[in-house]
Amino acid sequence: MLRQVIVTIMGNVDAGKSQTIDCIKKTSIVQSEPGKITQSIKAYSISIEIIKLICKDLLDLSKIKVPGLLFIDTPGHKAFSNLRKRGGSLADIAILVVDINEGLKPQTIEAIEILKENKTPFVIALNKIDLLNGWQSRTDIPMVKTIQFQTQSTQKLLDEKIYRLLAEFYEKTLNTERFDRIEDFTKQIVMVPMSAKTGEGIPELLMIITGLAQRFLESELSYDPEAPAEGTVLEITEEKGLGLCMDTIIYKGKIKANDMMVVGTLHEPIATKIKALFLVEKNQLKSIKEVEAAIGVKISATGIEAVIPGMPLKIANKDLEKTKIEIKKQIEETTLELDNEGIIVKADSLGSLEALINLLREKGTKIKRASVGEISKKDITEALSSNNILQRVILGFNTKQLDNNEVKIITDNIIYSLIDKFEAWYNEEKQKIEEKLMGNLPKPCKIKILEGYVFRQSSPAVCGIEVLAGTLKHGISLMKDDRGITEVKEMQHEGKKLAEAKPGEQLAISMPGITIGRQIKEGDILYSDMTEEQFRIYKKMKKLITVTEVEILKEIAEIKRKNNPGWGI
């Protein structure tokens, strides 16, 4: 037996997701008899008969076995992240809504990455074709004929918009094509021009979703209607007279009032009896005794305070302890291992948290702790405990912004924007730290003792030098061969004291602890001396020094390695 196809709609905030849902819903209601469209919690289903009425000759009902489509009535990537089950996303197929006039936006790109990560097939709805210059709407004929009905200039404009989007999607490693030009549905992603305002393209969109689900997802839609129900928590709500309730999507089996249910939490799973089940009828909660997948249903139960969106649930009238173990294992499989050190991550749901962790992991970011909920004092204390200032950070996805002078708190409601903000802050702070650290390092320098300019041989030795490369600074240690021999005590030029000298400058310097003619002589080349640790710091920060300084450091390393081959490596 096949269940309904679970469909979710994603896209940028102004692309027309909600309007697309409303358009599909209204079209379905107009075509249906009373009771033919099933309203439920955060979802609504359209029977295959209604889809056939909408699609007309576009759909051959004799080849379709799926009973209909279940649309998740919570648009956006946030809901999609929440909708998870073992093995990936709960949605069988998704609609990615793109404004044909605007192209890909940050949330669109984020939605694409989430779809790719979960390996969820999707169809692209190119919305707002009614806003194309010169577009003449026709709702009485199929989209292919509607396009042919347009003037040559409007058809050319449509093609230009589509070709631009083809290129944008190609940059995201997606091979896309207009629905009537598709050659291979296994290699190309369908794009359907449409208008959520006029309803044009909606029949084609429903036809393609139904056809793709029938062709490629039949095995995943098979289920035993008498099996214990499995589902995912979409939202926790407070209902007057009922208390805390769970809005859920049931994707497998049957669920009944008084069933024993196991629900996941961030700690141990909880077991509780279902007090009541509800659907929606005329915006009112309608009590029901039982229901089969796939459907959205509100569950009233006690002891669910620790449940959060994204958690799995399963009916356990038998084998209660075994079901608890299964649910716990399922949660552990979708919660990544964390590091002993790193930043702190917060999100509004388990699905969002997992998506954020995965994306940070891809960028090599270490995460010490990750949890669902608002940023708390405990999180701030935890972040403060880090000795690394670059890890005293809390990232919050869909959480309230807090200010703290000692911990950097970054929040956003777009995952990629949040990560971009974090990376910008991290790079800026890292550069500040590196520049401060660099300020304490001896500057790479190369000087020559000038012949005929020895003013005092010792106590201290005073002579004329020329800076060949780098920067000579007061107090810097100097080396000859691979050993440090002295330091620059004073620097003068024409009677004026200097703090530093640049390449090409000639000046007099004083050097304690050496005698000119013994440790050094006229014409010698000296370098600034440094430790291995100082040299390694320079190696890590090559981007902060000049090409000339890099060359001086290479020369210093070669000299040091003559008697110590592993120096600085």
Protein backbone atom coordinates (compact mmCIF):
# COMPACT_ATOMS: atom_id res chain seq x y z
CA MET A 1 0.00 0.00 0.00
CA LEU A 2 1.29 3.48 -0.86
CA ARG A 3 0.93 6.49 1.41
CA GLN A 4 0.59 10.11 0.30
CA VAL A 5 3.67 11.92 -0.98
CA ILE A 6 4.99 14.41 1.61
CA VAL A 7 5.82 17.72 -0.09
CA THR A 8 7.45 20.79 1.42
CA ILE A 9 7.97 24.22 -0.16
CA MET A 10 11.23 26.15 0.19
CA GLY A 11 12.79 29.32 -1.16
CA ASN A 12 13.76 32.92 -0.47
CA VAL A 13 11.56 35.01 1.79
CA ASP A 14 10.09 37.12 -1.04
CA ALA A 15 9.98 34.44 -3.76
CA GLY A 16 6.31 33.60 -3.13
CA LYS A 17 6.39 30.41 -1.02
CA SER A 18 3.30 31.24 1.00
CA GLN A 19 1.44 32.48 -2.06
CA THR A 20 2.33 29.26 -3.90
CA ILE A 21 0.94 27.19 -1.02
CA ASP A 22 -2.20 29.33 -0.92
CA CYS A 23 -2.63 29.06 -4.69
CA ILE A 24 -2.34 25.26 -4.66
CA LYS A 25 -4.70 25.07 -1.69
CA LYS A 26 -7.34 27.38 -3.20
CA THR A 27 -7.14 25.66 -6.57
CA SER A 28 -7.68 22.33 -4.85
CA ILE A 29 -10.64 23.58 -2.82
CA VAL A 30 -12.28 25.08 -5.90
CA GLN A 31 -11.96 21.78 -7.76
CA SER A 32 -13.04 19.59 -4.86
CA GLU A 33 -16.35 18.50 -3.40
CA PRO A 34 -16.85 19.21 0.31
CA GLY A 35 -14.62 16.91 2.32
CA LYS A 36 -12.36 15.97 -0.59
CA ILE A 37 -9.49 18.11 0.70
CA THR A 38 -8.31 17.04 4.14
CA GLN A 39 -7.22 19.81 6.52
CA SER A 40 -4.84 18.81 9.28
CA ILE A 41 -2.29 20.31 11.63
CA LYS A 42 0.28 22.32 9.66
CA ALA A 43 -0.51 20.24 6.59
CA TYR A 44 -3.17 19.59 4.01
CA SER A 45 -3.62 16.73 1.60
CA ILE A 46 -4.93 16.67 -1.96
CA SER A 47 -6.35 13.42 -3.25
CA ILE A 48 -5.22 12.05 -6.58
CA GLU A 49 -8.74 12.61 -7.94
CA ILE A 50 -8.50 16.34 -7.23
CA ILE A 51 -5.01 16.47 -8.77
CA LYS A 52 -6.46 14.83 -11.87
CA LEU A 53 -9.25 17.46 -12.05
CA ILE A 54 -6.65 20.24 -11.80
CA CYS A 55 -4.19 18.70 -14.26
CA LYS A 56 -6.88 17.49 -16.72
CA ASP A 57 -5.25 15.83 -19.75
CA LEU A 58 -1.74 16.46 -18.43
CA LEU A 59 -1.98 13.47 -16.07
CA ASP A 60 -2.74 9.86 -17.00
CA LEU A 61 -4.49 8.58 -13.88
CA SER A 62 -4.22 4.96 -15.00
CA LYS A 63 -0.45 5.04 -14.34
CA ILE A 64 -0.67 6.70 -10.94
CA LYS A 65 -0.89 4.64 -7.74
CA VAL A 66 -0.01 7.28 -5.14
CA PRO A 67 -3.18 8.34 -3.25
CA GLY A 68 -2.30 12.05 -3.24
CA LEU A 69 0.01 14.77 -1.95
CA LEU A 70 0.46 15.95 1.63
CA PHE A 71 1.73 19.54 1.67
CA ILE A 72 3.49 20.78 4.78
CA ASP A 73 1.82 24.12 5.45
CA THR A 74 4.86 25.72 7.09
CA PRO A 75 6.90 27.25 4.27
CA GLY A 76 10.63 27.80 4.33
CA HIS A 77 13.90 26.05 5.05
CA LYS A 78 13.32 26.26 8.81
CA ALA A 79 10.41 23.83 8.68
CA PHE A 80 12.30 21.57 6.31
CA SER A 81 15.23 21.37 8.74
CA ASN A 82 12.80 20.40 11.47
CA LEU A 83 11.21 17.66 9.40
CA ARG A 84 13.60 14.78 9.83
CA LYS A 85 13.42 11.03 10.07
CA ARG A 86 15.95 8.26 10.08
CA GLY A 87 17.99 8.40 6.88
CA GLY A 88 17.41 12.06 5.99
CA SER A 89 14.60 14.51 5.59
CA LEU A 90 10.96 13.66 6.15
CA ALA A 91 9.86 15.32 2.91
CA ASP A 92 9.72 12.91 -0.04
CA ILE A 93 10.01 15.75 -2.53
CA ALA A 94 10.33 19.52 -2.32
CA ILE A 95 9.30 22.55 -4.36
CA LEU A 96 11.99 25.23 -4.55
CA VAL A 97 10.28 28.53 -5.32
CA VAL A 98 12.45 31.06 -7.18
CA ASP A 99 11.43 34.55 -8.30
CA ILE A 100 12.14 34.35 -12.04
CA ASN A 101 12.92 38.07 -12.10
CA GLU A 102 15.31 38.04 -9.12
CA GLY A 103 17.23 34.76 -9.45
CA LEU A 104 19.01 32.99 -6.60
CA LYS A 105 19.04 34.72 -3.21
CA PRO A 106 20.88 33.75 0.03
CA GLN A 107 17.95 31.73 1.41
CA THR A 108 17.51 30.04 -1.98
CA ILE A 109 21.15 28.95 -1.93
CA GLU A 110 20.75 27.77 1.66
CA ALA A 111 17.67 25.76 0.67
CA ILE A 112 19.61 24.16 -2.21
CA GLU A 113 22.40 23.10 0.16
CA ILE A 114 19.90 21.59 2.63
CA LEU A 115 18.17 19.69 -0.20
CA LYS A 116 21.51 18.40 -1.50
CA GLU A 117 22.66 17.42 1.99
CA ASN A 118 19.49 15.40 2.56
CA LYS A 119 19.46 14.00 -1.00
CA THR A 120 15.86 15.18 -1.37
CA PRO A 121 14.55 15.36 -4.95
CA PHE A 122 12.99 18.69 -5.84
CA VAL A 123 11.22 20.64 -8.56
CA ILE A 124 11.94 24.34 -9.20
CA ALA A 125 8.92 26.64 -9.47
CA LEU A 126 9.85 29.79 -11.41
CA ASN A 127 7.32 32.13 -9.87
CA LYS A 128 6.04 35.58 -10.92
CA ILE A 129 5.96 35.06 -14.69
CA ASP A 130 2.92 37.36 -14.68
CA LEU A 131 5.33 40.22 -13.93
CA LEU A 132 7.35 39.67 -17.10
CA ASN A 133 7.09 42.66 -19.42
CA GLY A 134 4.26 42.05 -21.89
CA TRP A 135 3.08 38.78 -20.29
CA GLN A 136 -0.53 37.90 -21.16
CA SER A 137 -2.08 35.51 -18.63
CA ARG A 138 -4.05 32.49 -19.84
CA THR A 139 -5.44 30.12 -17.24
CA ASP A 140 -7.60 28.15 -19.66
CA ILE A 141 -4.79 26.44 -21.59
CA PRO A 142 -1.65 24.45 -20.64
CA MET A 143 1.56 26.35 -19.88
CA VAL A 144 3.30 25.26 -23.10
CA LYS A 145 0.48 26.84 -25.14
CA THR A 146 0.43 29.88 -22.86
CA ILE A 147 4.11 30.46 -23.65
CA GLN A 148 3.43 30.06 -27.38
CA PHE A 149 0.57 32.56 -27.02
CA GLN A 150 3.00 35.30 -25.90
CA THR A 151 4.59 37.79 -28.30
CA GLN A 152 8.06 36.99 -29.67
CA SER A 153 9.65 39.65 -27.45
CA THR A 154 8.01 38.21 -24.29
CA GLN A 155 9.02 34.66 -25.24
CA LYS A 156 12.59 35.90 -25.78
CA LEU A 157 12.53 37.64 -22.38
CA LEU A 158 11.32 34.43 -20.69
CA ASP A 159 14.12 32.45 -22.33
CA GLU A 160 16.69 35.03 -21.25
CA LYS A 161 15.50 34.79 -17.65
CA ILE A 162 15.58 30.99 -17.76
CA TYR A 163 19.05 30.84 -19.38
CA ARG A 164 20.39 33.15 -16.69
CA LEU A 165 18.95 30.85 -14.01
CA LEU A 166 20.36 27.78 -15.76
CA ALA A 167 23.81 29.34 -15.38
CA GLU A 168 23.20 30.26 -11.72
CA PHE A 169 22.05 26.74 -10.89
CA TYR A 170 25.00 25.29 -12.84
CA GLU A 171 27.35 27.22 -10.54
CA LYS A 172 25.69 25.29 -7.69
CA THR A 173 26.44 22.02 -9.57
CA LEU A 174 22.79 21.58 -10.58
CA ASN A 175 21.75 20.59 -14.09
CA THR A 176 18.34 22.22 -14.64
CA GLU A 177 15.98 22.63 -17.59
CA ARG A 178 12.49 23.91 -18.44
CA PHE A 179 9.90 21.17 -17.90
CA ASP A 180 8.98 20.79 -21.58
CA ARG A 181 12.62 20.52 -22.64
CA ILE A 182 13.72 17.82 -20.19
CA GLU A 183 15.53 14.91 -21.85
CA ASP A 184 16.36 12.80 -18.78
CA PHE A 185 14.52 13.20 -15.46
CA THR A 186 17.32 11.28 -13.68
CA LYS A 187 19.96 13.82 -14.72
CA GLN A 188 18.08 17.10 -15.00
CA ILE A 189 16.05 19.07 -12.46
CA VAL A 190 12.70 20.35 -13.68
CA MET A 191 11.92 24.07 -13.81
CA VAL A 192 8.24 25.05 -14.14
CA PRO A 193 7.38 28.67 -15.07
CA MET A 194 4.35 29.66 -12.99
CA SER A 195 2.43 32.40 -11.27
CA ALA A 196 1.13 31.95 -7.74
CA LYS A 197 -1.05 35.00 -8.41
CA THR A 198 -2.89 33.76 -11.53
CA GLY A 199 -2.48 30.00 -11.02
CA GLU A 200 -0.68 29.52 -14.34
CA GLY A 201 1.74 26.58 -14.18
CA ILE A 202 0.12 25.06 -11.05
CA PRO A 203 -1.35 22.09 -13.02
CA GLU A 204 2.09 21.38 -14.55
CA LEU A 205 3.74 21.64 -11.13
CA LEU A 206 1.31 19.16 -9.53
CA MET A 207 1.54 16.85 -12.55
CA ILE A 208 5.34 16.72 -12.41
CA ILE A 209 5.49 16.19 -8.62
CA THR A 210 2.95 13.37 -8.83
CA GLY A 211 4.67 11.78 -11.82
CA LEU A 212 8.15 11.94 -10.33
CA ALA A 213 6.93 10.51 -7.01
CA GLN A 214 5.18 7.65 -8.79
CA ARG A 215 8.19 6.89 -10.99
CA PHE A 216 11.07 7.22 -8.55
CA LEU A 217 9.68 7.06 -4.99
CA GLU A 218 7.18 4.18 -5.07
CA SER A 219 9.33 1.89 -2.90
CA GLU A 220 9.78 4.64 -0.26
CA LEU A 221 6.02 5.30 -0.14
CA SER A 222 5.09 1.67 0.61
CA TYR A 223 3.91 1.01 4.15
CA ASP A 224 1.79 -1.23 6.33
CA PRO A 225 -1.27 0.78 7.49
CA GLU A 226 -1.61 -1.42 10.58
CA ALA A 227 2.02 -0.97 11.69
CA PRO A 228 2.77 1.23 14.75
CA ALA A 229 2.94 4.86 13.68
CA GLU A 230 6.21 6.73 13.27
CA GLY A 231 6.47 10.46 12.94
CA THR A 232 8.33 13.70 13.56
CA VAL A 233 7.50 16.59 15.88
CA LEU A 234 7.03 19.79 13.89
CA GLU A 235 6.08 22.20 16.65
CA ILE A 236 5.16 22.38 20.35
CA THR A 237 2.11 24.53 21.05
CA GLU A 238 0.06 25.54 24.09
CA GLU A 239 -3.64 24.89 23.46
CA LYS A 240 -6.32 26.37 25.69
CA GLY A 241 -7.92 23.63 27.75
CA LEU A 242 -5.40 21.02 26.55
CA GLY A 243 -2.03 22.32 27.73
CA LEU A 244 1.12 21.47 25.78
CA CYS A 245 0.46 19.66 22.49
CA MET A 246 2.66 18.40 19.69
CA ASP A 247 2.02 19.24 16.03
CA THR A 248 3.37 16.19 14.25
CA ILE A 249 3.73 14.63 10.83
CA ILE A 250 2.98 10.90 10.81
CA TYR A 251 4.81 9.28 7.90
CA LYS A 252 4.32 5.60 8.68
CA GLY A 253 1.61 3.35 10.14
CA LYS A 254 -1.46 4.05 12.29
CA ILE A 255 -1.84 6.18 15.43
CA LYS A 256 -4.79 5.98 17.89
CA ALA A 257 -5.97 7.78 21.01
CA ASN A 258 -4.73 5.98 24.17
CA ASP A 259 -1.72 4.54 22.32
CA MET A 260 1.54 4.46 24.28
CA MET A 261 4.01 6.76 22.55
CA VAL A 262 7.79 7.21 22.84
CA VAL A 263 9.17 10.65 21.92
CA GLY A 264 12.80 11.73 21.74
CA THR A 265 14.38 14.51 23.79
CA LEU A 266 17.95 15.76 24.02
CA HIS A 267 18.37 13.42 26.97
CA GLU A 268 16.42 10.21 27.59
CA PRO A 269 13.32 9.46 25.45
CA ILE A 270 9.98 9.85 27.24
CA ALA A 271 7.07 7.41 27.19
CA THR A 272 3.57 8.80 27.54
CA LYS A 273 -0.03 7.86 26.66
CA ILE A 274 -1.83 9.81 23.94
CA LYS A 275 -4.78 11.62 25.53
CA ALA A 276 -6.32 12.85 22.27
CA LEU A 277 -5.72 13.37 18.55
CA PHE A 278 -6.92 16.37 16.54
CA LEU A 279 -7.30 17.48 12.93
CA VAL A 280 -8.53 20.89 11.76
CA GLU A 281 -12.02 21.47 10.44
CA LYS A 282 -13.15 25.02 9.60
CA ASN A 283 -10.29 26.39 11.73
CA GLN A 284 -11.52 24.34 14.70
CA LEU A 285 -9.83 21.35 16.32
CA LYS A 286 -11.70 18.17 15.51
CA SER A 287 -11.15 15.22 17.83
CA ILE A 288 -10.46 11.89 16.08
CA LYS A 289 -9.93 8.36 17.37
CA GLU A 290 -7.29 7.19 14.88
CA VAL A 291 -5.52 8.18 11.70
CA GLU A 292 -3.12 6.66 9.15
CA ALA A 293 0.02 8.02 7.47
CA ALA A 294 0.83 10.31 5.84
CA ILE A 295 -0.87 13.11 7.72
CA GLY A 296 -0.33 16.01 10.08
CA VAL A 297 -1.99 15.58 13.47
CA LYS A 298 -2.00 17.40 16.81
CA ILE A 299 -1.28 15.13 19.78
CA SER A 300 -2.33 15.95 23.33
CA ALA A 301 -0.21 14.15 25.94
CA THR A 302 1.36 14.73 29.36
CA GLY A 303 5.06 14.94 30.22
CA ILE A 304 6.20 16.37 26.88
CA GLU A 305 7.90 19.52 28.26
CA ALA A 306 11.37 18.35 27.15
CA VAL A 307 10.30 17.60 23.58
CA ILE A 308 11.61 19.99 20.90
CA PRO A 309 10.87 20.37 17.17
CA GLY A 310 12.57 17.76 15.01
CA MET A 311 12.32 14.93 17.54
CA PRO A 312 11.17 11.46 16.39
CA LEU A 313 8.16 9.65 17.84
CA LYS A 314 6.94 6.06 17.63
CA ILE A 315 3.96 4.15 18.96
CA ALA A 316 5.05 1.50 21.46
CA ASN A 317 2.06 -0.49 22.73
CA LYS A 318 4.43 -3.45 22.70
CA ASP A 319 8.19 -3.56 23.38
CA LEU A 320 8.27 -0.21 25.19
CA GLU A 321 11.90 -0.50 26.32
CA LYS A 322 13.03 -1.68 22.89
CA THR A 323 11.32 1.34 21.29
CA LYS A 324 13.03 3.68 23.75
CA ILE A 325 16.40 2.24 22.72
CA GLU A 326 15.51 2.66 19.02
CA ILE A 327 14.48 6.29 19.49
CA LYS A 328 17.60 7.07 21.54
CA LYS A 329 19.81 5.50 18.87
CA GLN A 330 18.03 7.48 16.17
CA ILE A 331 18.72 10.75 17.99
CA GLU A 332 22.36 9.83 18.58
CA GLU A 333 22.77 9.08 14.89
CA THR A 334 21.58 12.57 13.96
CA THR A 335 23.58 14.36 16.67
CA LEU A 336 27.22 14.76 15.70
CA GLU A 337 30.09 14.20 18.10
CA LEU A 338 31.49 17.41 19.52
CA ASP A 339 35.07 18.46 20.26
CA ASN A 340 36.90 18.99 23.55
CA GLU A 341 37.33 22.63 22.62
CA GLY A 342 35.72 25.10 20.28
CA ILE A 343 32.77 27.47 19.95
CA ILE A 344 29.22 27.07 21.28
CA VAL A 345 26.31 26.63 18.87
CA LYS A 346 22.60 27.19 19.56
CA ALA A 347 19.57 26.74 17.28
CA ASP A 348 15.80 26.73 17.47
CA SER A 349 15.39 23.06 16.50
CA LEU A 350 17.29 19.80 16.28
CA GLY A 351 17.20 19.83 12.47
CA SER A 352 18.50 23.39 12.28
CA LEU A 353 21.19 22.58 14.82
CA GLU A 354 22.37 19.59 12.83
CA ALA A 355 22.45 21.58 9.58
CA LEU A 356 24.49 24.33 11.26
CA ILE A 357 26.93 21.82 12.79
CA ASN A 358 27.45 20.12 9.43
CA LEU A 359 28.20 23.39 7.65
CA LEU A 360 30.62 24.52 10.36
CA ARG A 361 32.32 21.12 10.26
CA GLU A 362 32.87 21.50 6.51
CA LYS A 363 34.79 24.70 7.24
CA GLY A 364 36.92 23.04 9.91
CA THR A 365 35.34 24.87 12.85
CA LYS A 366 35.61 23.09 16.21
CA ILE A 367 32.43 22.94 18.30
CA LYS A 368 32.60 22.37 22.05
CA ARG A 369 28.87 22.33 22.76
CA ALA A 370 25.70 22.48 20.68
CA SER A 371 22.13 22.54 21.92
CA VAL A 372 18.59 23.63 21.11
CA GLY A 373 17.05 26.71 22.70
CA GLU A 374 17.83 30.33 23.54
CA ILE A 375 21.33 31.45 24.54
CA SER A 376 21.62 31.14 28.33
CA LYS A 377 23.91 32.30 31.15
CA LYS A 378 25.30 28.76 31.21
CA ASP A 379 26.32 29.09 27.56
CA ILE A 380 28.09 32.38 28.30
CA THR A 381 29.91 30.86 31.29
CA GLU A 382 30.93 27.88 29.15
CA ALA A 383 32.28 30.16 26.42
CA LEU A 384 34.20 32.25 28.97
CA SER A 385 36.00 29.14 30.22
CA SER A 386 37.97 28.89 26.96
CA ASN A 387 41.58 30.08 27.06
CA ASN A 388 41.41 30.82 23.33
CA ILE A 389 39.78 34.19 22.64
CA LEU A 390 38.82 32.97 19.14
CA GLN A 391 36.71 30.26 20.76
CA ARG A 392 34.88 32.54 23.19
CA VAL A 393 32.02 32.66 20.69
CA ILE A 394 28.35 31.67 20.69
CA LEU A 395 26.51 31.29 17.38
CA GLY A 396 22.72 31.44 17.58
CA PHE A 397 20.46 30.41 14.69
CA ASN A 398 16.92 31.79 15.10
CA THR A 399 17.69 32.82 18.69
CA LYS A 400 17.46 36.17 20.49
CA GLN A 401 20.47 38.47 20.30
CA LEU A 402 22.29 39.02 23.60
CA ASP A 403 25.14 41.42 24.35
CA ASN A 404 28.14 40.48 26.45
CA ASN A 405 31.45 42.30 26.77
CA GLU A 406 33.52 39.18 27.30
CA VAL A 407 31.91 36.73 24.85
CA LYS A 408 31.20 37.32 21.17
CA ILE A 409 27.55 36.44 20.44
CA ILE A 410 26.51 36.25 16.79
CA THR A 411 22.90 35.52 15.73
CA ASP A 412 21.00 35.36 12.44
CA ASN A 413 17.93 33.65 10.97
CA ILE A 414 19.80 32.56 7.83
CA ILE A 415 22.39 29.84 8.43
CA TYR A 416 24.78 30.97 5.67
CA SER A 417 24.56 34.58 6.80
CA LEU A 418 25.32 33.47 10.36
CA ILE A 419 28.40 31.56 9.20
CA ASP A 420 29.52 34.50 7.03
CA LYS A 421 29.25 36.84 10.04
CA PHE A 422 31.25 34.40 12.17
CA GLU A 423 33.98 34.00 9.54
CA ALA A 424 34.27 37.78 9.07
CA TRP A 425 34.59 38.30 12.86
CA TYR A 426 37.01 35.37 13.21
CA ASN A 427 39.32 36.58 10.43
CA GLU A 428 39.33 40.14 11.76
CA GLU A 429 40.09 39.03 15.33
CA LYS A 430 42.72 36.56 14.16
CA GLN A 431 44.49 39.29 12.20
CA LYS A 432 44.44 41.62 15.24
CA ILE A 433 45.97 38.89 17.40
CA GLU A 434 48.56 38.05 14.76
CA GLU A 435 49.52 41.68 14.28
CA LYS A 436 49.90 42.10 18.04
CA LEU A 437 51.99 38.93 18.21
CA MET A 438 54.05 40.08 15.23
CA GLY A 439 54.78 43.34 17.02
CA ASN A 440 56.68 41.35 19.66
CA LEU A 441 58.77 39.46 17.10
CA PRO A 442 62.24 40.58 15.97
CA LYS A 443 61.97 42.12 12.51
CA PRO A 444 63.77 40.17 9.77
CA CYS A 445 66.84 42.24 8.91
CA LYS A 446 70.10 41.98 6.96
CA ILE A 447 72.96 44.49 7.43
CA LYS A 448 76.55 44.98 6.24
CA ILE A 449 79.50 46.36 8.32
CA LEU A 450 80.89 49.18 6.19
CA GLU A 451 84.65 49.15 5.52
CA GLY A 452 86.56 52.14 6.84
CA TYR A 453 83.86 53.17 9.29
CA VAL A 454 84.95 51.57 12.57
CA PHE A 455 84.67 54.29 15.24
CA ARG A 456 85.35 52.10 18.30
CA GLN A 457 86.45 48.46 18.34
CA SER A 458 84.78 47.45 21.67
CA SER A 459 83.03 48.40 24.94
CA PRO A 460 80.74 48.96 23.02
CA ALA A 461 81.84 48.47 19.43
CA VAL A 462 80.72 51.36 17.22
CA CYS A 463 80.74 51.25 13.43
CA GLY A 464 78.97 52.30 10.28
CA ILE A 465 76.55 49.88 8.66
CA GLU A 466 74.16 49.72 5.70
CA VAL A 467 70.74 48.12 5.90
CA LEU A 468 70.62 45.69 2.96
CA ALA A 469 67.09 44.35 3.52
CA GLY A 470 64.32 44.37 6.08
CA THR A 471 64.01 46.74 9.04
CA LEU A 472 66.76 47.36 11.60
CA LYS A 473 65.34 48.24 15.02
CA HIS A 474 66.88 49.48 18.26
CA GLY A 475 67.45 46.58 20.68
CA ILE A 476 67.39 43.83 18.03
CA SER A 477 69.68 40.80 18.47
CA LEU A 478 72.21 40.16 15.70
CA MET A 479 73.74 36.90 14.56
CA LYS A 480 76.78 35.89 12.56
CA ASP A 481 76.80 32.44 11.04
CA ASP A 482 74.25 30.52 13.17
CA ARG A 483 74.90 32.19 16.54
CA GLY A 484 73.61 35.29 18.22
CA ILE A 485 76.60 37.48 19.11
CA THR A 486 75.33 40.91 20.15
CA GLU A 487 72.50 43.42 19.98
CA VAL A 488 71.95 46.90 18.59
CA LYS A 489 72.26 49.17 21.63
CA GLU A 490 72.03 52.55 19.86
CA MET A 491 71.43 53.81 16.33
CA GLN A 492 72.51 57.26 15.08
CA HIS A 493 72.59 59.21 11.85
CA GLU A 494 74.34 62.58 11.71
CA GLY A 495 74.16 62.86 15.49
CA LYS A 496 70.44 62.04 15.76
CA LYS A 497 69.25 58.92 17.54
CA LEU A 498 67.07 56.54 15.49
CA ALA A 499 64.54 53.88 16.48
CA GLU A 500 64.66 52.04 13.16
CA ALA A 501 66.27 52.11 9.71
CA LYS A 502 65.08 50.95 6.28
CA PRO A 503 66.89 49.31 3.33
CA GLY A 504 69.55 51.50 1.70
CA GLU A 505 70.05 53.67 4.80
CA GLN A 506 73.58 54.03 6.24
CA LEU A 507 74.08 54.84 9.91
CA ALA A 508 76.21 54.19 12.96
CA ILE A 509 75.31 51.55 15.54
CA SER A 510 76.76 50.49 18.88
CA MET A 511 77.07 46.80 19.82
CA PRO A 512 78.05 45.63 23.35
CA GLY A 513 79.98 42.44 24.19
CA ILE A 514 81.99 42.11 20.97
CA THR A 515 85.23 43.37 19.46
CA ILE A 516 85.47 44.41 15.83
CA GLY A 517 88.36 42.44 14.39
CA ARG A 518 87.58 39.37 16.51
CA GLN A 519 83.90 38.25 16.48
CA ILE A 520 83.10 40.45 13.46
CA LYS A 521 85.12 42.35 10.89
CA GLU A 522 84.58 45.02 8.25
CA GLY A 523 82.52 43.79 5.29
CA ASP A 524 80.65 41.11 7.34
CA ILE A 525 76.96 40.43 6.71
CA LEU A 526 74.86 40.14 9.88
CA TYR A 527 71.23 39.06 10.31
CA SER A 528 68.66 39.63 13.02
CA ASP A 529 68.68 36.63 15.35
CA MET A 530 65.56 34.72 16.41
CA THR A 531 64.44 31.53 18.13
CA GLU A 532 62.87 28.55 16.40
CA GLU A 533 59.49 29.42 17.94
CA GLN A 534 59.69 32.97 16.60
CA PHE A 535 60.60 31.63 13.16
CA ARG A 536 57.63 29.21 13.20
CA ILE A 537 55.27 32.06 14.07
CA TYR A 538 56.55 33.92 11.03
CA LYS A 539 55.96 30.81 8.89
CA LYS A 540 52.32 30.70 10.02
CA MET A 541 51.86 34.40 9.31
CA LYS A 542 53.59 34.74 5.95
CA LYS A 543 50.60 36.67 4.62
CA LEU A 544 51.33 39.49 7.10
CA ILE A 545 54.95 40.11 6.01
CA THR A 546 56.56 41.31 2.81
CA VAL A 547 58.15 39.16 0.09
CA THR A 548 61.57 40.64 1.04
CA GLU A 549 61.07 39.65 4.69
CA VAL A 550 60.15 36.13 3.59
CA GLU A 551 63.44 35.93 1.63
CA ILE A 552 65.44 37.14 4.66
CA LEU A 553 63.76 34.49 6.82
CA LYS A 554 64.69 31.81 4.28
CA GLU A 555 68.34 32.95 4.43
CA ILE A 556 68.26 32.92 8.25
CA ALA A 557 66.81 29.38 8.21
CA GLU A 558 69.51 28.16 5.79
CA ILE A 559 72.24 29.54 8.04
CA LYS A 560 70.70 28.00 11.19
CA ARG A 561 70.28 24.61 9.53
CA LYS A 562 73.97 24.22 8.66
CA ASN A 563 74.65 22.87 12.15
CA ASN A 564 71.03 21.99 13.03
CA PRO A 565 69.25 20.44 9.99
CA GLY A 566 65.80 20.34 11.61
CA TRP A 567 65.78 23.96 12.81
CA GLY A 568 62.44 25.71 12.34
CA ILE A 569 60.83 22.83 10.43
